[in-house]
Amino acid sequence: ILGFSTPPGRLSMMAFILNALTCALGLLYFIRRGKQCLDFTVTVHFFHLLGCWIYNSHFPSTLTWWLVHIVCTALMAAIGEYLCMRIELREIPLNSAPKSNV
């Protein structure tokens, strides 16, 4: 069903890309560590590969399937890592007590 020539194929690819973007937000919410984003992204996509393999009873062999999942993996990892790094690099307040005028 994945392909550039049919509207359902394009819609499916857009759904995969939107899923990668929302999963990147999930990485920010659950993982919160930039160094671990790639590990969790590859793990999620590996489990998806296993699920597709079991469901279809054969290993995915189409080029478009692999291209879409490689792009989605890269997109999810890059955006998730960027968002996590922004949180990690925030300034740490050193003095949280209010200043008093003496």
Protein backbone atom coordinates (compact mmCIF):
# COMPACT_ATOMS: atom_id res chain seq x y z
CA ILE A 1 0.00 0.00 0.00
CA LEU A 2 2.99 2.31 0.48
CA GLY A 3 3.83 4.19 -2.70
CA PHE A 4 4.07 7.63 -4.22
CA SER A 5 1.72 6.94 -7.12
CA THR A 6 -1.56 6.32 -5.26
CA PRO A 7 -3.40 8.60 -2.83
CA PRO A 8 -3.77 5.85 -0.18
CA GLY A 9 -0.01 5.24 -0.39
CA ARG A 10 0.79 8.91 0.07
CA LEU A 11 -1.68 9.11 2.94
CA SER A 12 -0.05 6.12 4.64
CA MET A 13 3.39 7.68 4.30
CA MET A 14 2.12 10.94 5.76
CA ALA A 15 0.64 8.99 8.67
CA PHE A 16 4.02 7.33 9.31
CA ILE A 17 5.77 10.71 9.30
CA LEU A 18 3.18 12.25 11.64
CA ASN A 19 3.62 9.24 13.89
CA ALA A 20 7.38 9.86 13.96
CA LEU A 21 6.77 13.47 15.01
CA THR A 22 4.38 12.52 17.80
CA CYS A 23 6.73 9.77 18.99
CA ALA A 24 9.51 12.38 19.16
CA LEU A 25 7.30 14.28 21.60
CA GLY A 26 6.85 11.01 23.49
CA LEU A 27 10.63 10.72 23.74
CA LEU A 28 10.70 14.19 25.27
CA TYR A 29 8.00 13.30 27.77
CA PHE A 30 9.15 9.80 28.78
CA ILE A 31 12.91 9.63 28.11
CA ARG A 32 14.15 13.21 28.65
CA ARG A 33 17.73 12.22 27.84
CA GLY A 34 19.26 13.14 24.49
CA LYS A 35 21.77 10.28 24.57
CA GLN A 36 19.03 7.65 24.89
CA CYS A 37 16.74 8.89 22.11
CA LEU A 38 18.43 6.91 19.34
CA ASP A 39 18.37 3.71 21.39
CA PHE A 40 14.66 3.96 22.15
CA THR A 41 13.83 4.96 18.57
CA VAL A 42 15.64 1.97 17.08
CA THR A 43 14.05 -0.32 19.67
CA VAL A 44 10.54 0.90 18.86
CA HIS A 45 11.09 0.49 15.12
CA PHE A 46 12.66 -2.95 15.63
CA PHE A 47 9.56 -4.10 17.54
CA HIS A 48 7.44 -2.65 14.73
CA LEU A 49 9.46 -4.68 12.22
CA LEU A 50 8.90 -7.84 14.28
CA GLY A 51 5.18 -7.10 14.54
CA CYS A 52 4.89 -6.59 10.78
CA TRP A 53 6.85 -9.77 10.15
CA ILE A 54 4.60 -11.83 12.44
CA TYR A 55 1.36 -10.23 11.17
CA ASN A 56 2.16 -10.67 7.46
CA SER A 57 3.94 -14.02 7.85
CA HIS A 58 6.84 -12.82 5.72
CA PHE A 59 9.71 -10.38 6.07
CA PRO A 60 9.02 -6.90 4.59
CA SER A 61 10.82 -6.74 1.26
CA THR A 62 9.51 -3.67 -0.56
CA LEU A 63 11.88 -0.77 -1.04
CA THR A 64 9.28 1.86 -0.17
CA TRP A 65 8.54 0.19 3.16
CA TRP A 66 12.22 0.29 4.10
CA LEU A 67 12.71 3.86 2.87
CA VAL A 68 9.71 5.15 4.82
CA HIS A 69 10.85 3.45 8.00
CA ILE A 70 14.45 4.62 7.66
CA VAL A 71 13.27 8.20 7.15
CA CYS A 72 10.84 7.93 10.08
CA THR A 73 13.54 6.46 12.33
CA ALA A 74 15.96 9.26 11.46
CA LEU A 75 13.27 11.91 11.86
CA MET A 76 12.08 10.60 15.21
CA ALA A 77 15.61 10.27 16.59
CA ALA A 78 16.78 13.68 15.37
CA ILE A 79 13.75 15.63 16.54
CA GLY A 80 13.54 13.74 19.83
CA GLU A 81 17.21 14.34 20.54
CA TYR A 82 16.88 18.03 19.64
CA LEU A 83 13.93 18.48 21.99
CA CYS A 84 15.61 16.57 24.82
CA MET A 85 18.84 18.55 24.41
CA ARG A 86 16.91 21.82 24.67
CA ILE A 87 15.51 20.68 28.01
CA GLU A 88 18.91 19.43 29.22
CA LEU A 89 20.69 22.67 28.34
CA ARG A 90 18.41 24.99 30.27
CA GLU A 91 20.06 27.20 32.82
CA ILE A 92 20.08 25.87 36.35
CA PRO A 93 18.99 28.55 38.83
CA LEU A 94 21.69 28.86 41.47
CA ASN A 95 19.92 31.23 43.84
CA SER A 96 16.22 30.66 44.18
CA ALA A 97 15.78 32.74 47.35
CA PRO A 98 14.45 36.27 46.88
CA LYS A 99 16.95 39.06 47.32
CA SER A 100 16.45 41.29 50.33
CA ASN A 101 17.26 44.99 50.43
CA VAL A 102 19.53 45.63 53.37
